[in-house]
Amino acid sequence: RTVYFNNKIPGFTLMGSKNLFYTKFNYSN
């Protein structure tokens, strides 16, 4: 799943364009 953000967050690596930033996270059981 992709998690979307409305802003670039300082110190946080996100992929995306000028208006939409996103990343994927890892999960484990």
mmCIF file of all heavy atoms, coordinates in Angstrom:
data_MODEL
# 
_entry.id   MODEL 
# 
loop_
_atom_site.group_PDB 
_atom_site.id 
_atom_site.type_symbol 
_atom_site.label_atom_id 
_atom_site.label_alt_id 
_atom_site.label_comp_id 
_atom_site.label_asym_id 
_atom_site.label_entity_id 
_atom_site.label_seq_id 
_atom_site.pdbx_PDB_ins_code 
_atom_site.Cartn_x 
_atom_site.Cartn_y 
_atom_site.Cartn_z 
_atom_site.occupancy 
_atom_site.B_iso_or_equiv 
_atom_site.pdbx_formal_charge 
_atom_site.auth_seq_id 
_atom_site.auth_comp_id 
_atom_site.auth_asym_id 
_atom_site.auth_atom_id 
_atom_site.pdbx_PDB_model_num 
ATOM 1   N N   . ARG A 1 1  ? 0.845  -1.201  0.000  1.00 0.00 ? 1  ARG A N   1 
ATOM 2   C CA  . ARG A 1 1  ? 0.000  0.000   0.000  1.00 0.00 ? 1  ARG A CA  1 
ATOM 3   C C   . ARG A 1 1  ? 0.877  1.248   0.000  1.00 0.00 ? 1  ARG A C   1 
ATOM 4   O O   . ARG A 1 1  ? 1.971  1.256   0.522  1.00 0.00 ? 1  ARG A O   1 
ATOM 5   C CB  . ARG A 1 1  ? -0.910 0.059   1.235  1.00 0.00 ? 1  ARG A CB  1 
ATOM 6   C CG  . ARG A 1 1  ? -1.877 -1.094  1.405  1.00 0.00 ? 1  ARG A CG  1 
ATOM 7   C CD  . ARG A 1 1  ? -2.849 -1.252  0.247  1.00 0.00 ? 1  ARG A CD  1 
ATOM 8   N NE  . ARG A 1 1  ? -2.275 -2.200  -0.703 1.00 0.00 ? 1  ARG A NE  1 
ATOM 9   C CZ  . ARG A 1 1  ? -2.657 -2.371  -1.947 1.00 0.00 ? 1  ARG A CZ  1 
ATOM 10  N NH1 . ARG A 1 1  ? -3.608 -1.667  -2.469 1.00 0.00 ? 1  ARG A NH1 1 
ATOM 11  N NH2 . ARG A 1 1  ? -2.088 -3.265  -2.719 1.00 0.00 ? 1  ARG A NH2 1 
ATOM 12  N N   . THR A 1 2  ? 0.339  2.282   -0.571 1.00 0.00 ? 2  THR A N   1 
ATOM 13  C CA  . THR A 1 2  ? 1.023  3.562   -0.647 1.00 0.00 ? 2  THR A CA  1 
ATOM 14  C C   . THR A 1 2  ? 0.374  4.531   0.331  1.00 0.00 ? 2  THR A C   1 
ATOM 15  O O   . THR A 1 2  ? -0.847 4.575   0.442  1.00 0.00 ? 2  THR A O   1 
ATOM 16  C CB  . THR A 1 2  ? 0.914  4.122   -2.081 1.00 0.00 ? 2  THR A CB  1 
ATOM 17  O OG1 . THR A 1 2  ? 1.454  3.157   -2.986 1.00 0.00 ? 2  THR A OG1 1 
ATOM 18  C CG2 . THR A 1 2  ? 1.664  5.424   -2.221 1.00 0.00 ? 2  THR A CG2 1 
ATOM 19  N N   . VAL A 1 3  ? 1.194  5.276   1.039  1.00 0.00 ? 3  VAL A N   1 
ATOM 20  C CA  . VAL A 1 3  ? 0.705  6.299   1.961  1.00 0.00 ? 3  VAL A CA  1 
ATOM 21  C C   . VAL A 1 3  ? 0.999  7.657   1.314  1.00 0.00 ? 3  VAL A C   1 
ATOM 22  O O   . VAL A 1 3  ? 2.141  7.937   0.935  1.00 0.00 ? 3  VAL A O   1 
ATOM 23  C CB  . VAL A 1 3  ? 1.386  6.190   3.348  1.00 0.00 ? 3  VAL A CB  1 
ATOM 24  C CG1 . VAL A 1 3  ? 0.900  7.291   4.278  1.00 0.00 ? 3  VAL A CG1 1 
ATOM 25  C CG2 . VAL A 1 3  ? 1.134  4.810   3.955  1.00 0.00 ? 3  VAL A CG2 1 
ATOM 26  N N   . TYR A 1 4  ? -0.043 8.486   1.201  1.00 0.00 ? 4  TYR A N   1 
ATOM 27  C CA  . TYR A 1 4  ? 0.086  9.778   0.522  1.00 0.00 ? 4  TYR A CA  1 
ATOM 28  C C   . TYR A 1 4  ? 0.164  10.921  1.529  1.00 0.00 ? 4  TYR A C   1 
ATOM 29  O O   . TYR A 1 4  ? -0.464 10.885  2.582  1.00 0.00 ? 4  TYR A O   1 
ATOM 30  C CB  . TYR A 1 4  ? -1.113 9.993   -0.409 1.00 0.00 ? 4  TYR A CB  1 
ATOM 31  C CG  . TYR A 1 4  ? -1.109 9.041   -1.575 1.00 0.00 ? 4  TYR A CG  1 
ATOM 32  C CD1 . TYR A 1 4  ? -1.749 7.809   -1.485 1.00 0.00 ? 4  TYR A CD1 1 
ATOM 33  C CD2 . TYR A 1 4  ? -0.441 9.363   -2.741 1.00 0.00 ? 4  TYR A CD2 1 
ATOM 34  C CE1 . TYR A 1 4  ? -1.732 6.922   -2.553 1.00 0.00 ? 4  TYR A CE1 1 
ATOM 35  C CE2 . TYR A 1 4  ? -0.420 8.479   -3.816 1.00 0.00 ? 4  TYR A CE2 1 
ATOM 36  C CZ  . TYR A 1 4  ? -1.063 7.260   -3.706 1.00 0.00 ? 4  TYR A CZ  1 
ATOM 37  O OH  . TYR A 1 4  ? -1.039 6.391   -4.765 1.00 0.00 ? 4  TYR A OH  1 
ATOM 38  N N   . PHE A 1 5  ? 0.919  11.955  1.161  1.00 0.00 ? 5  PHE A N   1 
ATOM 39  C CA  . PHE A 1 5  ? 1.112  13.131  2.000  1.00 0.00 ? 5  PHE A CA  1 
ATOM 40  C C   . PHE A 1 5  ? 0.824  14.380  1.181  1.00 0.00 ? 5  PHE A C   1 
ATOM 41  O O   . PHE A 1 5  ? 1.054  14.403  -0.027 1.00 0.00 ? 5  PHE A O   1 
ATOM 42  C CB  . PHE A 1 5  ? 2.559  13.188  2.513  1.00 0.00 ? 5  PHE A CB  1 
ATOM 43  C CG  . PHE A 1 5  ? 2.931  12.018  3.378  1.00 0.00 ? 5  PHE A CG  1 
ATOM 44  C CD1 . PHE A 1 5  ? 3.364  10.824  2.828  1.00 0.00 ? 5  PHE A CD1 1 
ATOM 45  C CD2 . PHE A 1 5  ? 2.843  12.113  4.762  1.00 0.00 ? 5  PHE A CD2 1 
ATOM 46  C CE1 . PHE A 1 5  ? 3.698  9.744   3.628  1.00 0.00 ? 5  PHE A CE1 1 
ATOM 47  C CE2 . PHE A 1 5  ? 3.178  11.050  5.570  1.00 0.00 ? 5  PHE A CE2 1 
ATOM 48  C CZ  . PHE A 1 5  ? 3.608  9.855   5.002  1.00 0.00 ? 5  PHE A CZ  1 
ATOM 49  N N   . ASN A 1 6  ? 0.352  15.441  1.855  1.00 0.00 ? 6  ASN A N   1 
ATOM 50  C CA  . ASN A 1 6  ? 0.047  16.670  1.140  1.00 0.00 ? 6  ASN A CA  1 
ATOM 51  C C   . ASN A 1 6  ? 1.221  17.645  1.113  1.00 0.00 ? 6  ASN A C   1 
ATOM 52  O O   . ASN A 1 6  ? 1.148  18.671  0.470  1.00 0.00 ? 6  ASN A O   1 
ATOM 53  C CB  . ASN A 1 6  ? -1.189 17.357  1.728  1.00 0.00 ? 6  ASN A CB  1 
ATOM 54  C CG  . ASN A 1 6  ? -1.009 17.763  3.167  1.00 0.00 ? 6  ASN A CG  1 
ATOM 55  O OD1 . ASN A 1 6  ? 0.036  17.528  3.758  1.00 0.00 ? 6  ASN A OD1 1 
ATOM 56  N ND2 . ASN A 1 6  ? -2.036 18.352  3.753  1.00 0.00 ? 6  ASN A ND2 1 
ATOM 57  N N   . ASN A 1 7  ? 2.277  17.355  1.825  1.00 0.00 ? 7  ASN A N   1 
ATOM 58  C CA  . ASN A 1 7  ? 3.451  18.232  1.875  1.00 0.00 ? 7  ASN A CA  1 
ATOM 59  C C   . ASN A 1 7  ? 4.718  17.402  1.966  1.00 0.00 ? 7  ASN A C   1 
ATOM 60  O O   . ASN A 1 7  ? 4.704  16.299  2.495  1.00 0.00 ? 7  ASN A O   1 
ATOM 61  C CB  . ASN A 1 7  ? 3.421  19.129  3.126  1.00 0.00 ? 7  ASN A CB  1 
ATOM 62  C CG  . ASN A 1 7  ? 2.563  20.340  2.947  1.00 0.00 ? 7  ASN A CG  1 
ATOM 63  O OD1 . ASN A 1 7  ? 2.505  20.914  1.873  1.00 0.00 ? 7  ASN A OD1 1 
ATOM 64  N ND2 . ASN A 1 7  ? 1.865  20.718  3.997  1.00 0.00 ? 7  ASN A ND2 1 
ATOM 65  N N   . LYS A 1 8  ? 5.802  17.971  1.488  1.00 0.00 ? 8  LYS A N   1 
ATOM 66  C CA  . LYS A 1 8  ? 7.115  17.363  1.699  1.00 0.00 ? 8  LYS A CA  1 
ATOM 67  C C   . LYS A 1 8  ? 7.463  17.606  3.162  1.00 0.00 ? 8  LYS A C   1 
ATOM 68  O O   . LYS A 1 8  ? 7.296  18.700  3.681  1.00 0.00 ? 8  LYS A O   1 
ATOM 69  C CB  . LYS A 1 8  ? 8.140  18.026  0.782  1.00 0.00 ? 8  LYS A CB  1 
ATOM 70  C CG  . LYS A 1 8  ? 9.486  17.418  0.838  1.00 0.00 ? 8  LYS A CG  1 
ATOM 71  C CD  . LYS A 1 8  ? 9.665  16.445  -0.309 1.00 0.00 ? 8  LYS A CD  1 
ATOM 72  C CE  . LYS A 1 8  ? 11.113 15.995  -0.362 1.00 0.00 ? 8  LYS A CE  1 
ATOM 73  N NZ  . LYS A 1 8  ? 11.229 14.573  -0.383 1.00 0.00 ? 8  LYS A NZ  1 
ATOM 74  N N   . ILE A 1 9  ? 7.916  16.568  3.859  1.00 0.00 ? 9  ILE A N   1 
ATOM 75  C CA  . ILE A 1 9  ? 8.211  16.685  5.281  1.00 0.00 ? 9  ILE A CA  1 
ATOM 76  C C   . ILE A 1 9  ? 9.723  16.700  5.461  1.00 0.00 ? 9  ILE A C   1 
ATOM 77  O O   . ILE A 1 9  ? 10.406 15.773  5.025  1.00 0.00 ? 9  ILE A O   1 
ATOM 78  C CB  . ILE A 1 9  ? 7.572  15.514  6.054  1.00 0.00 ? 9  ILE A CB  1 
ATOM 79  C CG1 . ILE A 1 9  ? 6.050  15.537  5.835  1.00 0.00 ? 9  ILE A CG1 1 
ATOM 80  C CG2 . ILE A 1 9  ? 7.912  15.574  7.529  1.00 0.00 ? 9  ILE A CG2 1 
ATOM 81  C CD1 . ILE A 1 9  ? 5.364  14.255  6.180  1.00 0.00 ? 9  ILE A CD1 1 
ATOM 82  N N   . PRO A 1 10 ? 10.262 17.754  6.085  1.00 0.00 ? 10 PRO A N   1 
ATOM 83  C CA  . PRO A 1 10 ? 11.709 17.851  6.261  1.00 0.00 ? 10 PRO A CA  1 
ATOM 84  C C   . PRO A 1 10 ? 12.275 16.622  6.970  1.00 0.00 ? 10 PRO A C   1 
ATOM 85  O O   . PRO A 1 10 ? 11.710 16.126  7.944  1.00 0.00 ? 10 PRO A O   1 
ATOM 86  C CB  . PRO A 1 10 ? 11.881 19.101  7.138  1.00 0.00 ? 10 PRO A CB  1 
ATOM 87  C CG  . PRO A 1 10 ? 10.617 19.874  6.957  1.00 0.00 ? 10 PRO A CG  1 
ATOM 88  C CD  . PRO A 1 10 ? 9.543  18.867  6.679  1.00 0.00 ? 10 PRO A CD  1 
ATOM 89  N N   . GLY A 1 11 ? 13.381 16.077  6.431  1.00 0.00 ? 11 GLY A N   1 
ATOM 90  C CA  . GLY A 1 11 ? 14.044 14.939  7.032  1.00 0.00 ? 11 GLY A CA  1 
ATOM 91  C C   . GLY A 1 11 ? 13.367 13.607  6.748  1.00 0.00 ? 11 GLY A C   1 
ATOM 92  O O   . GLY A 1 11 ? 13.725 12.576  7.300  1.00 0.00 ? 11 GLY A O   1 
ATOM 93  N N   . PHE A 1 12 ? 12.392 13.606  5.857  1.00 0.00 ? 12 PHE A N   1 
ATOM 94  C CA  . PHE A 1 12 ? 11.604 12.420  5.570  1.00 0.00 ? 12 PHE A CA  1 
ATOM 95  C C   . PHE A 1 12 ? 11.664 12.183  4.072  1.00 0.00 ? 12 PHE A C   1 
ATOM 96  O O   . PHE A 1 12 ? 11.327 13.068  3.288  1.00 0.00 ? 12 PHE A O   1 
ATOM 97  C CB  . PHE A 1 12 ? 10.167 12.689  6.040  1.00 0.00 ? 12 PHE A CB  1 
ATOM 98  C CG  . PHE A 1 12 ? 9.298  11.484  6.154  1.00 0.00 ? 12 PHE A CG  1 
ATOM 99  C CD1 . PHE A 1 12 ? 9.573  10.504  7.085  1.00 0.00 ? 12 PHE A CD1 1 
ATOM 100 C CD2 . PHE A 1 12 ? 8.186  11.355  5.358  1.00 0.00 ? 12 PHE A CD2 1 
ATOM 101 C CE1 . PHE A 1 12 ? 8.746  9.400   7.212  1.00 0.00 ? 12 PHE A CE1 1 
ATOM 102 C CE2 . PHE A 1 12 ? 7.346  10.256  5.477  1.00 0.00 ? 12 PHE A CE2 1 
ATOM 103 C CZ  . PHE A 1 12 ? 7.645  9.279   6.403  1.00 0.00 ? 12 PHE A CZ  1 
ATOM 104 N N   . THR A 1 13 ? 12.112 11.031  3.633  1.00 0.00 ? 13 THR A N   1 
ATOM 105 C CA  . THR A 1 13 ? 12.265 10.747  2.210  1.00 0.00 ? 13 THR A CA  1 
ATOM 106 C C   . THR A 1 13 ? 10.925 10.311  1.615  1.00 0.00 ? 13 THR A C   1 
ATOM 107 O O   . THR A 1 13 ? 10.374 9.297   2.012  1.00 0.00 ? 13 THR A O   1 
ATOM 108 C CB  . THR A 1 13 ? 13.303 9.629   1.992  1.00 0.00 ? 13 THR A CB  1 
ATOM 109 O OG1 . THR A 1 13 ? 14.504 9.996   2.636  1.00 0.00 ? 13 THR A OG1 1 
ATOM 110 C CG2 . THR A 1 13 ? 13.541 9.398   0.517  1.00 0.00 ? 13 THR A CG2 1 
ATOM 111 N N   . LEU A 1 14 ? 10.429 11.121  0.699  1.00 0.00 ? 14 LEU A N   1 
ATOM 112 C CA  . LEU A 1 14 ? 9.174  10.818  0.017  1.00 0.00 ? 14 LEU A CA  1 
ATOM 113 C C   . LEU A 1 14 ? 9.401  10.870  -1.481 1.00 0.00 ? 14 LEU A C   1 
ATOM 114 O O   . LEU A 1 14 ? 10.257 11.604  -1.966 1.00 0.00 ? 14 LEU A O   1 
ATOM 115 C CB  . LEU A 1 14 ? 8.094  11.844  0.383  1.00 0.00 ? 14 LEU A CB  1 
ATOM 116 C CG  . LEU A 1 14 ? 7.671  11.927  1.841  1.00 0.00 ? 14 LEU A CG  1 
ATOM 117 C CD1 . LEU A 1 14 ? 6.730  13.104  2.056  1.00 0.00 ? 14 LEU A CD1 1 
ATOM 118 C CD2 . LEU A 1 14 ? 7.005  10.645  2.283  1.00 0.00 ? 14 LEU A CD2 1 
ATOM 119 N N   . MET A 1 15 ? 8.631  10.083  -2.221 1.00 0.00 ? 15 MET A N   1 
ATOM 120 C CA  . MET A 1 15 ? 8.648  10.142  -3.680 1.00 0.00 ? 15 MET A CA  1 
ATOM 121 C C   . MET A 1 15 ? 7.472  11.015  -4.094 1.00 0.00 ? 15 MET A C   1 
ATOM 122 O O   . MET A 1 15 ? 6.551  11.201  -3.317 1.00 0.00 ? 15 MET A O   1 
ATOM 123 C CB  . MET A 1 15 ? 8.478  8.731   -4.253 1.00 0.00 ? 15 MET A CB  1 
ATOM 124 C CG  . MET A 1 15 ? 9.573  7.779   -3.785 1.00 0.00 ? 15 MET A CG  1 
ATOM 125 S SD  . MET A 1 15 ? 9.176  6.066   -4.121 1.00 0.00 ? 15 MET A SD  1 
ATOM 126 C CE  . MET A 1 15 ? 8.150  5.686   -2.724 1.00 0.00 ? 15 MET A CE  1 
ATOM 127 N N   . GLY A 1 16 ? 7.491  11.525  -5.277 1.00 0.00 ? 16 GLY A N   1 
ATOM 128 C CA  . GLY A 1 16 ? 6.305  12.241  -5.723 1.00 0.00 ? 16 GLY A CA  1 
ATOM 129 C C   . GLY A 1 16 ? 6.586  13.455  -6.558 1.00 0.00 ? 16 GLY A C   1 
ATOM 130 O O   . GLY A 1 16 ? 7.702  13.707  -6.967 1.00 0.00 ? 16 GLY A O   1 
ATOM 131 N N   . SER A 1 17 ? 5.507  14.189  -6.781 1.00 0.00 ? 17 SER A N   1 
ATOM 132 C CA  . SER A 1 17 ? 5.552  15.375  -7.622 1.00 0.00 ? 17 SER A CA  1 
ATOM 133 C C   . SER A 1 17 ? 5.467  16.614  -6.748 1.00 0.00 ? 17 SER A C   1 
ATOM 134 O O   . SER A 1 17 ? 5.571  16.545  -5.537 1.00 0.00 ? 17 SER A O   1 
ATOM 135 C CB  . SER A 1 17 ? 4.373  15.339  -8.596 1.00 0.00 ? 17 SER A CB  1 
ATOM 136 O OG  . SER A 1 17 ? 3.167  15.461  -7.861 1.00 0.00 ? 17 SER A OG  1 
ATOM 137 N N   . LYS A 1 18 ? 5.208  17.727  -7.383 1.00 0.00 ? 18 LYS A N   1 
ATOM 138 C CA  . LYS A 1 18 ? 5.139  19.007  -6.678 1.00 0.00 ? 18 LYS A CA  1 
ATOM 139 C C   . LYS A 1 18 ? 4.005  19.056  -5.652 1.00 0.00 ? 18 LYS A C   1 
ATOM 140 O O   . LYS A 1 18 ? 4.146  19.646  -4.600 1.00 0.00 ? 18 LYS A O   1 
ATOM 141 C CB  . LYS A 1 18 ? 4.955  20.122  -7.714 1.00 0.00 ? 18 LYS A CB  1 
ATOM 142 C CG  . LYS A 1 18 ? 5.042  21.496  -7.163 1.00 0.00 ? 18 LYS A CG  1 
ATOM 143 C CD  . LYS A 1 18 ? 4.986  22.499  -8.294 1.00 0.00 ? 18 LYS A CD  1 
ATOM 144 C CE  . LYS A 1 18 ? 5.095  23.901  -7.732 1.00 0.00 ? 18 LYS A CE  1 
ATOM 145 N NZ  . LYS A 1 18 ? 5.001  24.905  -8.771 1.00 0.00 ? 18 LYS A NZ  1 
ATOM 146 N N   . ASN A 1 19 ? 2.873  18.415  -5.943 1.00 0.00 ? 19 ASN A N   1 
ATOM 147 C CA  . ASN A 1 19 ? 1.699  18.529  -5.079 1.00 0.00 ? 19 ASN A CA  1 
ATOM 148 C C   . ASN A 1 19 ? 1.333  17.258  -4.311 1.00 0.00 ? 19 ASN A C   1 
ATOM 149 O O   . ASN A 1 19 ? 0.520  17.306  -3.411 1.00 0.00 ? 19 ASN A O   1 
ATOM 150 C CB  . ASN A 1 19 ? 0.476  18.950  -5.901 1.00 0.00 ? 19 ASN A CB  1 
ATOM 151 C CG  . ASN A 1 19 ? 0.690  20.304  -6.535 1.00 0.00 ? 19 ASN A CG  1 
ATOM 152 O OD1 . ASN A 1 19 ? 1.257  21.192  -5.916 1.00 0.00 ? 19 ASN A OD1 1 
ATOM 153 N ND2 . ASN A 1 19 ? 0.268  20.445  -7.772 1.00 0.00 ? 19 ASN A ND2 1 
ATOM 154 N N   . LEU A 1 20 ? 1.886  16.110  -4.689 1.00 0.00 ? 20 LEU A N   1 
ATOM 155 C CA  . LEU A 1 20 ? 1.507  14.863  -4.038 1.00 0.00 ? 20 LEU A CA  1 
ATOM 156 C C   . LEU A 1 20 ? 2.755  14.033  -3.752 1.00 0.00 ? 20 LEU A C   1 
ATOM 157 O O   . LEU A 1 20 ? 3.526  13.733  -4.657 1.00 0.00 ? 20 LEU A O   1 
ATOM 158 C CB  . LEU A 1 20 ? 0.549  14.076  -4.935 1.00 0.00 ? 20 LEU A CB  1 
ATOM 159 C CG  . LEU A 1 20 ? -0.029 12.805  -4.348 1.00 0.00 ? 20 LEU A CG  1 
ATOM 160 C CD1 . LEU A 1 20 ? -0.915 13.125  -3.141 1.00 0.00 ? 20 LEU A CD1 1 
ATOM 161 C CD2 . LEU A 1 20 ? -0.836 12.061  -5.397 1.00 0.00 ? 20 LEU A CD2 1 
ATOM 162 N N   . PHE A 1 21 ? 2.933  13.691  -2.495 1.00 0.00 ? 21 PHE A N   1 
ATOM 163 C CA  . PHE A 1 21 ? 4.097  12.932  -2.080 1.00 0.00 ? 21 PHE A CA  1 
ATOM 164 C C   . PHE A 1 21 ? 3.618  11.600  -1.520 1.00 0.00 ? 21 PHE A C   1 
ATOM 165 O O   . PHE A 1 21 ? 2.539  11.506  -0.948 1.00 0.00 ? 21 PHE A O   1 
ATOM 166 C CB  . PHE A 1 21 ? 4.875  13.701  -1.018 1.00 0.00 ? 21 PHE A CB  1 
ATOM 167 C CG  . PHE A 1 21 ? 5.316  15.054  -1.494 1.00 0.00 ? 21 PHE A CG  1 
ATOM 168 C CD1 . PHE A 1 21 ? 4.540  16.181  -1.251 1.00 0.00 ? 21 PHE A CD1 1 
ATOM 169 C CD2 . PHE A 1 21 ? 6.483  15.200  -2.210 1.00 0.00 ? 21 PHE A CD2 1 
ATOM 170 C CE1 . PHE A 1 21 ? 4.931  17.425  -1.708 1.00 0.00 ? 21 PHE A CE1 1 
ATOM 171 C CE2 . PHE A 1 21 ? 6.883  16.440  -2.676 1.00 0.00 ? 21 PHE A CE2 1 
ATOM 172 C CZ  . PHE A 1 21 ? 6.110  17.562  -2.421 1.00 0.00 ? 21 PHE A CZ  1 
ATOM 173 N N   . TYR A 1 22 ? 4.429  10.565  -1.693 1.00 0.00 ? 22 TYR A N   1 
ATOM 174 C CA  . TYR A 1 22 ? 3.998  9.254   -1.226 1.00 0.00 ? 22 TYR A CA  1 
ATOM 175 C C   . TYR A 1 22 ? 5.196  8.392   -0.845 1.00 0.00 ? 22 TYR A C   1 
ATOM 176 O O   . TYR A 1 22 ? 6.333  8.675   -1.205 1.00 0.00 ? 22 TYR A O   1 
ATOM 177 C CB  . TYR A 1 22 ? 3.157  8.548   -2.292 1.00 0.00 ? 22 TYR A CB  1 
ATOM 178 C CG  . TYR A 1 22 ? 3.910  8.277   -3.579 1.00 0.00 ? 22 TYR A CG  1 
ATOM 179 C CD1 . TYR A 1 22 ? 4.575  7.071   -3.776 1.00 0.00 ? 22 TYR A CD1 1 
ATOM 180 C CD2 . TYR A 1 22 ? 3.951  9.231   -4.595 1.00 0.00 ? 22 TYR A CD2 1 
ATOM 181 C CE1 . TYR A 1 22 ? 5.270  6.843   -4.944 1.00 0.00 ? 22 TYR A CE1 1 
ATOM 182 C CE2 . TYR A 1 22 ? 4.637  9.005   -5.769 1.00 0.00 ? 22 TYR A CE2 1 
ATOM 183 C CZ  . TYR A 1 22 ? 5.295  7.800   -5.939 1.00 0.00 ? 22 TYR A CZ  1 
ATOM 184 O OH  . TYR A 1 22 ? 5.987  7.564   -7.097 1.00 0.00 ? 22 TYR A OH  1 
ATOM 185 N N   . THR A 1 23 ? 4.903  7.340   -0.123 1.00 0.00 ? 23 THR A N   1 
ATOM 186 C CA  . THR A 1 23 ? 5.914  6.353   0.220  1.00 0.00 ? 23 THR A CA  1 
ATOM 187 C C   . THR A 1 23 ? 5.213  5.051   0.563  1.00 0.00 ? 23 THR A C   1 
ATOM 188 O O   . THR A 1 23 ? 4.003  5.004   0.723  1.00 0.00 ? 23 THR A O   1 
ATOM 189 C CB  . THR A 1 23 ? 6.811  6.832   1.385  1.00 0.00 ? 23 THR A CB  1 
ATOM 190 O OG1 . THR A 1 23 ? 7.939  5.972   1.486  1.00 0.00 ? 23 THR A OG1 1 
ATOM 191 C CG2 . THR A 1 23 ? 6.056  6.858   2.698  1.00 0.00 ? 23 THR A CG2 1 
ATOM 192 N N   . LYS A 1 24 ? 5.984  3.992   0.674  1.00 0.00 ? 24 LYS A N   1 
ATOM 193 C CA  . LYS A 1 24 ? 5.479  2.695   1.109  1.00 0.00 ? 24 LYS A CA  1 
ATOM 194 C C   . LYS A 1 24 ? 6.174  2.371   2.427  1.00 0.00 ? 24 LYS A C   1 
ATOM 195 O O   . LYS A 1 24 ? 7.290  2.790   2.659  1.00 0.00 ? 24 LYS A O   1 
ATOM 196 C CB  . LYS A 1 24 ? 5.777  1.614   0.072  1.00 0.00 ? 24 LYS A CB  1 
ATOM 197 C CG  . LYS A 1 24 ? 5.011  1.805   -1.220 1.00 0.00 ? 24 LYS A CG  1 
ATOM 198 C CD  . LYS A 1 24 ? 5.274  0.656   -2.176 1.00 0.00 ? 24 LYS A CD  1 
ATOM 199 C CE  . LYS A 1 24 ? 4.646  0.866   -3.528 1.00 0.00 ? 24 LYS A CE  1 
ATOM 200 N NZ  . LYS A 1 24 ? 3.235  0.992   -3.573 1.00 0.00 ? 24 LYS A NZ  1 
ATOM 201 N N   . PHE A 1 25 ? 5.505  1.628   3.278  1.00 0.00 ? 25 PHE A N   1 
ATOM 202 C CA  . PHE A 1 25 ? 6.080  1.233   4.556  1.00 0.00 ? 25 PHE A CA  1 
ATOM 203 C C   . PHE A 1 25 ? 6.108  -0.287  4.639  1.00 0.00 ? 25 PHE A C   1 
ATOM 204 O O   . PHE A 1 25 ? 5.351  -0.972  3.955  1.00 0.00 ? 25 PHE A O   1 
ATOM 205 C CB  . PHE A 1 25 ? 5.268  1.814   5.723  1.00 0.00 ? 25 PHE A CB  1 
ATOM 206 C CG  . PHE A 1 25 ? 5.389  3.296   5.831  1.00 0.00 ? 25 PHE A CG  1 
ATOM 207 C CD1 . PHE A 1 25 ? 4.455  4.128   5.244  1.00 0.00 ? 25 PHE A CD1 1 
ATOM 208 C CD2 . PHE A 1 25 ? 6.460  3.871   6.500  1.00 0.00 ? 25 PHE A CD2 1 
ATOM 209 C CE1 . PHE A 1 25 ? 4.574  5.501   5.320  1.00 0.00 ? 25 PHE A CE1 1 
ATOM 210 C CE2 . PHE A 1 25 ? 6.587  5.249   6.574  1.00 0.00 ? 25 PHE A CE2 1 
ATOM 211 C CZ  . PHE A 1 25 ? 5.646  6.065   5.987  1.00 0.00 ? 25 PHE A CZ  1 
ATOM 212 N N   . ASN A 1 26 ? 6.971  -0.792  5.458  1.00 0.00 ? 26 ASN A N   1 
ATOM 213 C CA  . ASN A 1 26 ? 7.102  -2.229  5.661  1.00 0.00 ? 26 ASN A CA  1 
ATOM 214 C C   . ASN A 1 26 ? 6.288  -2.679  6.870  1.00 0.00 ? 26 ASN A C   1 
ATOM 215 O O   . ASN A 1 26 ? 6.236  -1.975  7.878  1.00 0.00 ? 26 ASN A O   1 
ATOM 216 C CB  . ASN A 1 26 ? 8.569  -2.591  5.891  1.00 0.00 ? 26 ASN A CB  1 
ATOM 217 C CG  . ASN A 1 26 ? 9.424  -2.266  4.696  1.00 0.00 ? 26 ASN A CG  1 
ATOM 218 O OD1 . ASN A 1 26 ? 9.129  -2.698  3.591  1.00 0.00 ? 26 ASN A OD1 1 
ATOM 219 N ND2 . ASN A 1 26 ? 10.471 -1.496  4.899  1.00 0.00 ? 26 ASN A ND2 1 
ATOM 220 N N   . TYR A 1 27 ? 5.693  -3.843  6.765  1.00 0.00 ? 27 TYR A N   1 
ATOM 221 C CA  . TYR A 1 27 ? 4.933  -4.428  7.867  1.00 0.00 ? 27 TYR A CA  1 
ATOM 222 C C   . TYR A 1 27 ? 5.406  -5.856  8.079  1.00 0.00 ? 27 TYR A C   1 
ATOM 223 O O   . TYR A 1 27 ? 5.890  -6.510  7.151  1.00 0.00 ? 27 TYR A O   1 
ATOM 224 C CB  . TYR A 1 27 ? 3.427  -4.434  7.549  1.00 0.00 ? 27 TYR A CB  1 
ATOM 225 C CG  . TYR A 1 27 ? 2.848  -3.054  7.467  1.00 0.00 ? 27 TYR A CG  1 
ATOM 226 C CD1 . TYR A 1 27 ? 2.877  -2.333  6.281  1.00 0.00 ? 27 TYR A CD1 1 
ATOM 227 C CD2 . TYR A 1 27 ? 2.301  -2.439  8.588  1.00 0.00 ? 27 TYR A CD2 1 
ATOM 228 C CE1 . TYR A 1 27 ? 2.362  -1.051  6.206  1.00 0.00 ? 27 TYR A CE1 1 
ATOM 229 C CE2 . TYR A 1 27 ? 1.783  -1.163  8.524  1.00 0.00 ? 27 TYR A CE2 1 
ATOM 230 C CZ  . TYR A 1 27 ? 1.818  -0.474  7.331  1.00 0.00 ? 27 TYR A CZ  1 
ATOM 231 O OH  . TYR A 1 27 ? 1.317  0.789   7.263  1.00 0.00 ? 27 TYR A OH  1 
ATOM 232 N N   . SER A 1 28 ? 5.265  -6.332  9.301  1.00 0.00 ? 28 SER A N   1 
ATOM 233 C CA  . SER A 1 28 ? 5.652  -7.698  9.626  1.00 0.00 ? 28 SER A CA  1 
ATOM 234 C C   . SER A 1 28 ? 4.727  -8.252  10.699 1.00 0.00 ? 28 SER A C   1 
ATOM 235 O O   . SER A 1 28 ? 4.217  -7.514  11.537 1.00 0.00 ? 28 SER A O   1 
ATOM 236 C CB  . SER A 1 28 ? 7.094  -7.715  10.144 1.00 0.00 ? 28 SER A CB  1 
ATOM 237 O OG  . SER A 1 28 ? 7.432  -9.009  10.587 1.00 0.00 ? 28 SER A OG  1 
ATOM 238 N N   . ASN A 1 29 ? 4.518  -9.559  10.679 1.00 0.00 ? 29 ASN A N   1 
ATOM 239 C CA  . ASN A 1 29 ? 3.819  -10.227 11.773 1.00 0.00 ? 29 ASN A CA  1 
ATOM 240 C C   . ASN A 1 29 ? 4.765  -11.201 12.460 1.00 0.00 ? 29 ASN A C   1 
ATOM 241 O O   . ASN A 1 29 ? 4.342  -12.067 13.206 1.00 0.00 ? 29 ASN A O   1 
ATOM 242 C CB  . ASN A 1 29 ? 2.558  -10.945 11.281 1.00 0.00 ? 29 ASN A CB  1 
ATOM 243 C CG  . ASN A 1 29 ? 2.850  -11.973 10.211 1.00 0.00 ? 29 ASN A CG  1 
ATOM 244 O OD1 . ASN A 1 29 ? 3.981  -12.397 10.026 1.00 0.00 ? 29 ASN A OD1 1 
ATOM 245 N ND2 . ASN A 1 29 ? 1.828  -12.376 9.491  1.00 0.00 ? 29 ASN A ND2 1 
# 
